Amino acid sequence: MVTNKTQRFETVPPAKTAYFDSDVVTVDVGGTDNEWYLDKLAVNSNGTISDVKVGIKHPKTPLTSIEEWTFGSAGAGSDVIYSADTGNVYASDGTDLHAVDAVDGTEQWKVVSIDPFGQIRYDSINDHVYAVSGSSNEVIASTSAPGVAWRFGVQNAILGSLDFDPDHEQVYAADDTGILYAINASDGSKAWDNATGKTSEAGILYESTNQQVYFGNNDEWFAFDHTGTQQWSYDMGGGTTGLTSPLGYDPDNNHVYGGGFGKAIRAVDAVTGAEQWVESLGGANSLESGIAYDPVNGNIFYGTDDNKIRAHDAASGSLVWEFTTNDSVDSDVIYANGRVYAGNTGNGTLYALGAADGSLVWDFSATNAIDNGVAYDPDNNQVYATTKSNTLHAVNESASIKVENTARAATSSPSASTEVLEIDEYVASGATIGIAVEGADAGVELVARQVI
């Protein structure tokens, strides 16, 4: 928790640092083993303050994550997603679908007895939440009314993978005989289906760049356009069975990525289906997670059953780094905010790693195995994870690096001025705060509260 006791840190004379090109004052947040919550920065000047910048350099040791709230009726291997349109987090408990407020974790609505499992998608066009029902072999569209807008039944046992195509307002799902279904999002009618002719265990991914849906069977991948016309297929030669769900896509190289139980991860050209590279999973038997892409460093990330989170160069496939966890990484692996987030089974640890080098930023111990849903919420700077014990956790991403600017136009007759910058940031003992002020004879005061 955060105490009400504040501490005002004295600043030192301006000195050059790596934060900014201008002179800055630095504050070392030290003296205890506890963390600090940086509340606000007050800048006082006898002239005009034209610009204030704040940079935070975190220490090398990992931070302790801050849990914001828990919701005790969602998890059980469920996917979890956040919608900026509604401000809700969506997850299931295996029986009901829940909408939870992202700020405080209170339930907003639920749709009961639809037995959802696997992936969940939100459609802002029709205000639908899509989920797969294992008991009825249906795709179900729920609404915030709440209630069921429509149901679509497949011919055989339904798979847990699905995706939404906002360009053509279609929902894609599949059954275990390899039939891919396109469903009209507005009313749940069938747009088309395509029987690939092979038993499926696999992933479904729609991407807007090429406006194609990608679908995998036991040893073959397919690409279809929105009319159901096959664009290409890629035969893995029997060396790999099953695909991750979801697959991954990289718009910079225009690659589709996937893996499975053949001890390899693969990249193919999204337009032609031509193989680009194949890389071994090392000591792993299978790639258990979804695949995420980092456009800043040009890497892809995934988790395996030999307790690893790995990063590969997206263009060449070469291994960039790997991080060892304490159990199999079965959850989604996602990239956001310069971090890689993933959870594992066993004691259910949620990890935040630096995307560039795989260094541990923080970890969080959940109540049980995290084997499916992980999501990031940029609006509230939170990471969500679901566990097998039906608990949805919201964890504050307390280790982001923040740089803020407040520009103020100069006046012809400068007068006394005060600028207060809300920082709202957690840091560990030993962090350094860089503060740059453009203004006449400015004094700086940083207010922080201790986390105990």
Protein backbone atom coordinates (compact mmCIF):
# COMPACT_ATOMS: atom_id res chain seq x y z
CA MET A 1 0.00 0.00 0.00
CA VAL A 2 1.01 3.67 -0.20
CA THR A 3 1.32 5.59 3.08
CA ASN A 4 0.01 9.11 3.52
CA LYS A 5 3.37 10.26 4.83
CA THR A 6 5.21 12.35 2.24
CA GLN A 7 8.86 13.17 1.86
CA ARG A 8 10.25 16.17 0.05
CA PHE A 9 13.55 15.37 -1.61
CA GLU A 10 16.19 18.08 -1.80
CA THR A 11 17.67 18.63 -5.22
CA VAL A 12 21.27 19.21 -6.17
CA PRO A 13 22.59 21.95 -8.48
CA PRO A 14 21.98 21.45 -12.22
CA ALA A 15 24.29 18.96 -13.93
CA LYS A 16 24.47 17.24 -17.30
CA THR A 17 22.85 13.80 -17.49
CA ALA A 18 21.79 11.42 -20.22
CA TYR A 19 18.11 12.29 -19.88
CA PHE A 20 18.03 15.52 -21.86
CA ASP A 21 20.26 17.83 -23.86
CA SER A 22 19.72 20.67 -21.38
CA ASP A 23 20.91 21.08 -17.80
CA VAL A 24 18.96 19.09 -15.24
CA VAL A 25 18.75 18.59 -11.53
CA THR A 26 18.87 15.02 -10.28
CA VAL A 27 17.25 13.40 -7.27
CA ASP A 28 18.37 10.05 -5.89
CA VAL A 29 15.42 8.23 -4.31
CA GLY A 30 17.28 6.16 -1.73
CA GLY A 31 17.74 5.48 1.92
CA THR A 32 15.32 2.55 2.33
CA ASP A 33 14.63 -0.84 0.83
CA ASN A 34 11.04 0.13 0.12
CA GLU A 35 9.57 1.56 -3.04
CA TRP A 36 8.33 5.11 -3.47
CA TYR A 37 5.29 6.51 -5.18
CA LEU A 38 6.26 9.73 -6.96
CA ASP A 39 3.34 12.07 -6.45
CA LYS A 40 4.13 15.44 -8.01
CA LEU A 41 6.87 17.85 -9.00
CA ALA A 42 6.58 21.53 -8.09
CA VAL A 43 8.68 24.04 -10.02
CA ASN A 44 8.89 27.65 -8.82
CA SER A 45 10.47 30.46 -10.77
CA ASN A 46 10.74 34.23 -10.59
CA GLY A 47 10.31 34.30 -14.34
CA THR A 48 8.44 32.37 -17.01
CA ILE A 49 8.66 28.57 -17.05
CA SER A 50 8.71 27.57 -20.69
CA ASP A 51 9.30 23.81 -20.39
CA VAL A 52 9.56 21.11 -17.74
CA LYS A 53 10.74 17.57 -18.40
CA VAL A 54 10.93 14.61 -16.06
CA GLY A 55 12.80 11.38 -16.73
CA ILE A 56 12.98 8.36 -14.43
CA LYS A 57 15.91 5.96 -14.46
CA HIS A 58 15.05 2.76 -12.61
CA PRO A 59 17.66 0.69 -10.77
CA LYS A 60 18.83 -2.62 -12.21
CA THR A 61 17.07 -4.73 -9.58
CA PRO A 62 13.50 -5.81 -10.46
CA LEU A 63 10.64 -3.85 -8.98
CA THR A 64 7.85 -5.43 -6.99
CA SER A 65 4.60 -5.26 -8.94
CA ILE A 66 1.61 -3.52 -7.38
CA GLU A 67 -1.70 -5.39 -7.56
CA GLU A 68 -4.58 -2.99 -8.13
CA TRP A 69 -7.50 -5.39 -7.73
CA THR A 70 -8.71 -8.96 -8.18
CA PHE A 71 -11.99 -10.30 -9.48
CA GLY A 72 -12.84 -13.72 -8.12
CA SER A 73 -15.13 -15.18 -10.77
CA ALA A 74 -13.09 -15.22 -13.94
CA GLY A 75 -10.23 -17.41 -15.07
CA ALA A 76 -10.32 -21.18 -15.47
CA GLY A 77 -8.03 -21.04 -18.48
CA SER A 78 -10.00 -18.16 -20.00
CA ASP A 79 -8.67 -15.57 -22.38
CA VAL A 80 -8.75 -11.98 -21.11
CA ILE A 81 -9.06 -8.82 -23.23
CA TYR A 82 -9.32 -5.09 -22.54
CA SER A 83 -11.49 -2.72 -24.58
CA ALA A 84 -10.64 0.97 -24.66
CA ASP A 85 -14.09 1.62 -26.15
CA THR A 86 -15.94 0.38 -23.08
CA GLY A 87 -13.26 0.60 -20.39
CA ASN A 88 -14.02 -3.02 -19.50
CA VAL A 89 -12.00 -6.18 -19.11
CA TYR A 90 -13.65 -9.36 -20.45
CA ALA A 91 -13.00 -12.88 -19.17
CA SER A 92 -14.93 -16.04 -18.30
CA ASP A 93 -15.06 -18.58 -15.50
CA GLY A 94 -15.90 -21.50 -17.80
CA THR A 95 -19.62 -20.99 -17.22
CA ASP A 96 -20.37 -17.25 -17.44
CA LEU A 97 -18.85 -14.39 -19.44
CA HIS A 98 -17.97 -11.36 -17.29
CA ALA A 99 -17.41 -7.68 -18.05
CA VAL A 100 -15.33 -6.03 -15.31
CA ASP A 101 -14.53 -2.33 -14.87
CA ALA A 102 -10.82 -1.81 -15.56
CA VAL A 103 -10.39 0.89 -12.91
CA ASP A 104 -11.80 -0.78 -9.81
CA GLY A 105 -12.53 -4.41 -10.76
CA THR A 106 -16.28 -4.24 -10.19
CA GLU A 107 -18.51 -6.42 -12.34
CA GLN A 108 -20.48 -4.44 -14.93
CA TRP A 109 -22.49 -7.30 -16.38
CA LYS A 110 -22.39 -11.02 -17.11
CA VAL A 111 -24.00 -13.47 -19.48
CA VAL A 112 -24.69 -16.72 -17.66
CA SER A 113 -24.51 -20.38 -18.60
CA ILE A 114 -22.89 -20.10 -22.02
CA ASP A 115 -19.80 -22.16 -21.02
CA PRO A 116 -17.17 -20.05 -22.83
CA PHE A 117 -13.59 -21.23 -23.27
CA GLY A 118 -10.60 -20.23 -25.36
CA GLN A 119 -10.29 -16.86 -27.02
CA ILE A 120 -12.50 -13.79 -26.56
CA ARG A 121 -12.82 -10.86 -28.97
CA TYR A 122 -14.58 -7.49 -28.73
CA ASP A 123 -16.33 -5.88 -31.71
CA SER A 124 -16.78 -2.11 -31.26
CA ILE A 125 -18.81 -1.82 -34.47
CA ASN A 126 -21.69 -3.99 -33.21
CA ASP A 127 -20.85 -3.81 -29.48
CA HIS A 128 -20.49 -7.59 -29.33
CA VAL A 129 -18.20 -9.78 -27.25
CA TYR A 130 -17.46 -13.07 -29.03
CA ALA A 131 -16.68 -16.31 -27.23
CA VAL A 132 -16.73 -20.03 -27.99
CA SER A 133 -19.03 -22.39 -26.08
CA GLY A 134 -17.55 -25.83 -25.54
CA SER A 135 -20.78 -27.43 -24.32
CA SER A 136 -22.96 -26.35 -27.26
CA ASN A 137 -20.25 -26.10 -29.98
CA GLU A 138 -21.30 -22.56 -30.78
CA VAL A 139 -19.85 -19.12 -31.31
CA ILE A 140 -21.84 -16.77 -29.08
CA ALA A 141 -22.15 -12.99 -29.46
CA SER A 142 -22.94 -11.29 -26.15
CA THR A 143 -23.94 -7.66 -25.61
CA SER A 144 -23.71 -5.15 -22.80
CA ALA A 145 -27.50 -5.21 -22.37
CA PRO A 146 -26.49 -7.88 -21.16
CA GLY A 147 -27.69 -10.79 -23.19
CA VAL A 148 -27.03 -12.98 -26.20
CA ALA A 149 -27.27 -11.28 -29.60
CA TRP A 150 -26.88 -14.48 -31.60
CA ARG A 151 -25.52 -18.05 -31.60
CA PHE A 152 -23.85 -19.90 -34.45
CA GLY A 153 -23.41 -23.67 -34.27
CA VAL A 154 -20.64 -25.58 -36.05
CA GLN A 155 -20.93 -29.11 -37.42
CA ASN A 156 -18.46 -30.85 -35.08
CA ALA A 157 -16.49 -30.17 -31.88
CA ILE A 158 -15.63 -26.47 -31.86
CA LEU A 159 -12.07 -25.22 -31.30
CA GLY A 160 -11.12 -22.53 -28.80
CA SER A 161 -9.59 -20.21 -31.37
CA LEU A 162 -11.52 -17.40 -33.06
CA ASP A 163 -10.90 -13.92 -34.45
CA PHE A 164 -12.85 -10.85 -35.62
CA ASP A 165 -12.43 -9.13 -38.99
CA PRO A 166 -13.43 -5.45 -38.63
CA ASP A 167 -12.88 -4.72 -42.33
CA HIS A 168 -15.67 -7.04 -43.45
CA GLU A 169 -17.47 -7.55 -40.11
CA GLN A 170 -16.93 -11.29 -39.99
CA VAL A 171 -16.11 -13.64 -37.12
CA TYR A 172 -13.90 -16.65 -37.86
CA ALA A 173 -14.09 -19.97 -35.99
CA ALA A 174 -13.35 -23.63 -36.73
CA ASP A 175 -14.19 -27.19 -35.74
CA ASP A 176 -11.89 -30.14 -35.17
CA THR A 177 -12.45 -31.63 -38.63
CA GLY A 178 -10.74 -28.62 -40.23
CA ILE A 179 -13.76 -26.60 -41.35
CA LEU A 180 -13.19 -22.83 -41.13
CA TYR A 181 -16.38 -20.76 -40.71
CA ALA A 182 -16.96 -17.08 -41.50
CA ILE A 183 -19.94 -15.63 -39.61
CA ASN A 184 -21.62 -12.30 -40.29
CA ALA A 185 -21.02 -10.25 -37.16
CA SER A 186 -24.26 -8.28 -37.31
CA ASP A 187 -26.72 -11.18 -37.22
CA GLY A 188 -24.78 -14.46 -36.82
CA SER A 189 -25.61 -15.83 -40.25
CA LYS A 190 -23.06 -17.88 -42.17
CA ALA A 191 -21.02 -15.91 -44.71
CA TRP A 192 -19.09 -18.98 -45.94
CA ASP A 193 -17.21 -22.06 -44.82
CA ASN A 194 -14.24 -23.96 -46.19
CA ALA A 195 -13.48 -27.60 -45.47
CA THR A 196 -9.69 -27.96 -45.53
CA GLY A 197 -9.97 -31.72 -45.19
CA LYS A 198 -7.58 -32.23 -42.28
CA THR A 199 -8.08 -32.67 -38.57
CA SER A 200 -7.42 -29.38 -36.82
CA GLU A 201 -6.15 -28.29 -33.42
CA ALA A 202 -5.15 -24.89 -34.52
CA GLY A 203 -4.87 -21.14 -34.63
CA ILE A 204 -6.95 -18.50 -36.42
CA LEU A 205 -5.66 -15.01 -37.14
CA TYR A 206 -7.09 -12.15 -39.22
CA GLU A 207 -4.84 -9.24 -40.20
CA SER A 208 -5.89 -6.08 -42.02
CA THR A 209 -2.72 -5.35 -44.00
CA ASN A 210 -3.37 -8.16 -46.51
CA GLN A 211 -7.02 -8.59 -45.45
CA GLN A 212 -6.55 -12.32 -45.06
CA VAL A 213 -7.47 -14.87 -42.41
CA TYR A 214 -4.81 -17.46 -41.56
CA PHE A 215 -5.76 -20.92 -40.34
CA GLY A 216 -3.69 -23.95 -39.41
CA ASN A 217 -4.34 -27.68 -39.44
CA ASN A 218 -2.14 -30.39 -38.02
CA ASP A 219 0.59 -30.03 -40.64
CA GLU A 220 -0.58 -27.30 -43.02
CA TRP A 221 -1.34 -23.56 -42.92
CA PHE A 222 -3.89 -21.79 -45.11
CA ALA A 223 -4.67 -18.20 -46.10
CA PHE A 224 -8.18 -17.16 -47.22
CA ASP A 225 -9.61 -13.84 -48.32
CA HIS A 226 -12.89 -12.55 -46.87
CA THR A 227 -14.93 -14.43 -49.51
CA GLY A 228 -13.47 -17.80 -48.51
CA THR A 229 -11.18 -18.10 -51.54
CA GLN A 230 -7.93 -19.84 -50.67
CA GLN A 231 -4.88 -17.67 -51.35
CA TRP A 232 -2.16 -20.18 -50.47
CA SER A 233 -1.26 -23.18 -48.34
CA TYR A 234 1.99 -24.07 -46.61
CA ASP A 235 2.82 -27.73 -45.98
CA MET A 236 5.09 -28.34 -42.97
CA GLY A 237 5.97 -31.78 -44.29
CA GLY A 238 4.61 -33.73 -41.35
CA GLY A 239 7.35 -32.49 -39.03
CA THR A 240 5.03 -30.33 -36.96
CA THR A 241 1.59 -31.16 -35.63
CA GLY A 242 -0.77 -28.55 -34.28
CA LEU A 243 -0.37 -24.79 -34.27
CA THR A 244 -0.22 -22.14 -31.65
CA SER A 245 -3.34 -20.14 -31.10
CA PRO A 246 -3.20 -17.36 -32.04
CA LEU A 247 -0.55 -17.24 -34.70
CA GLY A 248 1.60 -14.13 -34.97
CA TYR A 249 1.89 -11.46 -37.67
CA ASP A 250 4.61 -8.91 -38.38
CA PRO A 251 3.69 -6.00 -40.70
CA ASP A 252 7.30 -4.86 -41.17
CA ASN A 253 8.50 -8.12 -42.74
CA ASN A 254 4.97 -9.22 -43.75
CA HIS A 255 5.51 -12.60 -42.08
CA VAL A 256 3.07 -14.99 -40.44
CA TYR A 257 4.55 -17.00 -37.55
CA GLY A 258 3.50 -20.27 -35.97
CA GLY A 259 4.72 -23.36 -34.20
CA GLY A 260 3.39 -26.45 -32.56
CA PHE A 261 4.58 -29.83 -31.39
CA GLY A 262 7.35 -30.30 -33.96
CA LYS A 263 10.04 -28.50 -31.94
CA ALA A 264 10.24 -25.60 -34.39
CA ILE A 265 8.96 -22.08 -34.96
CA ARG A 266 8.35 -21.00 -38.55
CA ALA A 267 7.94 -17.82 -40.59
CA VAL A 268 6.18 -17.70 -43.95
CA ASP A 269 5.48 -14.85 -46.35
CA ALA A 270 1.96 -13.55 -45.64
CA VAL A 271 1.18 -12.93 -49.31
CA THR A 272 2.66 -16.02 -50.98
CA GLY A 273 2.97 -18.58 -48.18
CA ALA A 274 6.64 -19.14 -49.07
CA GLU A 275 8.76 -20.36 -46.17
CA GLN A 276 11.12 -17.67 -44.85
CA TRP A 277 12.87 -19.49 -42.02
CA VAL A 278 12.56 -22.39 -39.57
CA GLU A 279 14.26 -22.35 -36.16
CA SER A 280 14.53 -25.03 -33.48
CA LEU A 281 12.78 -24.60 -30.14
CA GLY A 282 15.90 -25.83 -28.38
CA GLY A 283 15.02 -28.27 -25.62
CA ALA A 284 11.29 -27.64 -25.85
CA ASN A 285 8.81 -30.14 -27.22
CA SER A 286 6.18 -27.55 -28.08
CA LEU A 287 5.51 -23.86 -28.45
CA GLU A 288 2.70 -23.34 -25.96
CA SER A 289 1.83 -19.66 -26.30
CA GLY A 290 0.74 -17.13 -28.85
CA ILE A 291 3.42 -15.15 -30.69
CA ALA A 292 3.96 -11.40 -30.19
CA TYR A 293 5.89 -8.90 -32.33
CA ASP A 294 7.98 -5.92 -31.20
CA PRO A 295 8.21 -3.25 -33.94
CA VAL A 296 10.87 -1.27 -32.04
CA ASN A 297 13.52 -4.01 -31.83
CA GLY A 298 12.19 -6.16 -34.67
CA ASN A 299 11.80 -9.31 -32.57
CA ILE A 300 9.09 -11.91 -32.01
CA PHE A 301 8.38 -13.58 -28.64
CA TYR A 302 6.82 -16.86 -27.50
CA GLY A 303 6.76 -19.30 -24.57
CA THR A 304 7.57 -23.01 -24.43
CA ASP A 305 7.05 -26.10 -22.31
CA ASP A 306 10.71 -26.11 -21.21
CA ASN A 307 10.06 -23.00 -19.06
CA LYS A 308 11.43 -20.45 -21.55
CA ILE A 309 10.35 -17.12 -22.96
CA ARG A 310 12.32 -16.61 -26.17
CA ALA A 311 12.98 -13.73 -28.56
CA HIS A 312 13.95 -14.26 -32.21
CA ASP A 313 14.93 -11.74 -34.85
CA ALA A 314 11.80 -11.51 -37.00
CA ALA A 315 13.66 -11.11 -40.28
CA SER A 316 16.25 -13.88 -39.91
CA GLY A 317 14.88 -16.15 -37.18
CA SER A 318 18.09 -16.04 -35.14
CA LEU A 319 17.74 -16.35 -31.36
CA VAL A 320 18.19 -12.96 -29.64
CA TRP A 321 17.65 -13.86 -26.00
CA GLU A 322 15.85 -16.32 -23.74
CA PHE A 323 14.58 -16.03 -20.18
CA THR A 324 14.10 -19.04 -17.88
CA THR A 325 10.97 -19.11 -15.71
CA ASN A 326 10.05 -21.60 -12.99
CA ASP A 327 7.53 -23.60 -15.05
CA SER A 328 5.99 -24.11 -18.49
CA VAL A 329 4.92 -20.87 -20.21
CA ASP A 330 1.41 -21.64 -21.43
CA SER A 331 -0.18 -18.18 -21.41
CA ASP A 332 -0.37 -15.63 -24.17
CA VAL A 333 2.92 -13.78 -24.64
CA ILE A 334 2.26 -10.14 -25.45
CA TYR A 335 4.35 -7.08 -26.26
CA ALA A 336 3.42 -3.59 -25.07
CA ASN A 337 4.99 -0.55 -23.50
CA GLY A 338 8.52 -1.77 -24.27
CA ARG A 339 7.88 -4.90 -22.22
CA VAL A 340 7.16 -8.59 -22.84
CA TYR A 341 4.45 -10.04 -20.57
CA ALA A 342 3.76 -13.73 -19.99
CA GLY A 343 2.57 -16.10 -17.28
CA ASN A 344 3.39 -19.68 -16.42
CA THR A 345 1.85 -22.72 -14.81
CA GLY A 346 3.02 -24.12 -11.49
CA ASN A 347 2.89 -21.28 -8.98
CA GLY A 348 1.41 -18.92 -11.57
CA THR A 349 4.01 -16.19 -11.97
CA LEU A 350 3.35 -13.22 -14.23
CA TYR A 351 6.56 -11.81 -15.74
CA ALA A 352 7.41 -8.41 -17.19
CA LEU A 353 10.65 -8.48 -19.18
CA GLY A 354 12.59 -5.79 -20.99
CA ALA A 355 11.86 -6.35 -24.67
CA ALA A 356 15.36 -5.48 -25.86
CA ASP A 357 17.38 -7.87 -23.68
CA GLY A 358 14.94 -10.11 -21.75
CA SER A 359 15.95 -8.71 -18.36
CA LEU A 360 13.45 -9.12 -15.53
CA VAL A 361 11.63 -5.87 -14.78
CA TRP A 362 9.17 -7.29 -12.26
CA ASP A 363 7.25 -10.44 -11.47
CA PHE A 364 3.98 -11.13 -9.70
CA SER A 365 2.85 -14.32 -7.96
CA ALA A 366 -0.79 -15.12 -8.75
CA THR A 367 -3.08 -17.51 -6.90
CA ASN A 368 -2.74 -20.39 -9.37
CA ALA A 369 -1.48 -21.38 -12.81
CA ILE A 370 -1.67 -18.72 -15.52
CA ASP A 371 -2.22 -20.83 -18.62
CA ASN A 372 -4.13 -18.63 -21.05
CA GLY A 373 -5.07 -14.99 -20.76
CA VAL A 374 -2.66 -12.06 -20.41
CA ALA A 375 -3.54 -8.57 -21.67
CA TYR A 376 -2.17 -5.02 -21.39
CA ASP A 377 -4.29 -1.90 -20.80
CA PRO A 378 -2.54 1.31 -21.94
CA ASP A 379 -5.25 3.58 -20.53
CA ASN A 380 -4.75 2.46 -16.92
CA ASN A 381 -1.21 1.10 -17.38
CA GLN A 382 -2.25 -2.32 -16.07
CA VAL A 383 -1.58 -5.94 -16.99
CA TYR A 384 -4.38 -8.49 -16.62
CA ALA A 385 -3.97 -12.23 -16.10
CA THR A 386 -6.44 -15.06 -15.46
CA THR A 387 -5.71 -18.18 -13.42
CA LYS A 388 -7.07 -21.70 -13.13
CA SER A 389 -8.51 -20.83 -9.72
CA ASN A 390 -11.00 -18.43 -11.36
CA THR A 391 -9.23 -15.23 -10.42
CA LEU A 392 -8.64 -12.24 -12.66
CA HIS A 393 -5.68 -10.11 -11.50
CA ALA A 394 -5.00 -6.47 -12.41
CA VAL A 395 -1.36 -5.55 -11.87
CA ASN A 396 0.00 -2.01 -12.12
CA GLU A 397 2.79 -1.75 -14.67
CA SER A 398 4.91 0.04 -12.08
CA ALA A 399 8.18 -0.02 -13.98
CA SER A 400 7.45 2.02 -17.05
CA ILE A 401 9.85 4.86 -17.83
CA LYS A 402 8.02 8.15 -18.03
CA VAL A 403 9.10 11.37 -19.72
CA GLU A 404 6.72 14.31 -19.53
CA ASN A 405 6.79 17.70 -21.18
CA THR A 406 4.76 20.81 -20.37
CA ALA A 407 5.43 23.65 -22.77
CA ARG A 408 4.67 27.23 -21.74
CA ALA A 409 4.91 30.16 -24.15
CA ALA A 410 7.23 32.99 -23.14
CA THR A 411 5.65 36.31 -22.25
CA SER A 412 6.94 39.80 -22.96
CA SER A 413 6.79 40.66 -19.25
CA PRO A 414 7.86 37.61 -17.23
CA SER A 415 6.25 37.30 -13.82
CA ALA A 416 6.43 34.81 -10.97
CA SER A 417 5.32 31.37 -12.11
CA THR A 418 4.65 27.95 -10.60
CA GLU A 419 4.30 24.68 -12.50
CA VAL A 420 3.06 21.45 -10.87
CA LEU A 421 3.56 18.23 -12.78
CA GLU A 422 1.60 15.13 -11.72
CA ILE A 423 4.01 12.18 -12.02
CA ASP A 424 1.96 9.21 -10.71
CA GLU A 425 4.78 6.68 -10.87
CA TYR A 426 6.19 3.88 -8.72
CA VAL A 427 9.96 3.54 -8.40
CA ALA A 428 12.31 1.44 -6.31
CA SER A 429 14.84 2.75 -3.84
CA GLY A 430 17.88 3.84 -5.81
CA ALA A 431 15.99 5.31 -8.77
CA THR A 432 17.26 8.56 -10.20
CA ILE A 433 14.95 11.34 -11.30
CA GLY A 434 16.14 13.74 -13.99
CA ILE A 435 14.41 17.12 -14.09
CA ALA A 436 15.03 19.73 -16.78
CA VAL A 437 13.51 23.19 -16.44
CA GLU A 438 13.66 26.05 -18.90
CA GLY A 439 12.95 29.21 -16.92
CA ALA A 440 14.55 31.91 -14.87
CA ASP A 441 16.05 30.92 -11.49
CA ALA A 442 13.82 27.87 -11.17
CA GLY A 443 13.67 25.86 -7.96
CA VAL A 444 12.46 22.26 -7.89
CA GLU A 445 10.66 20.22 -5.23
CA LEU A 446 9.74 16.54 -5.67
CA VAL A 447 7.05 15.05 -3.45
CA ALA A 448 6.93 11.26 -2.95
CA ARG A 449 5.14 8.81 -0.68
CA GLN A 450 6.64 5.60 0.61
CA VAL A 451 5.25 2.21 -0.40
CA ILE A 452 5.21 -0.28 2.51
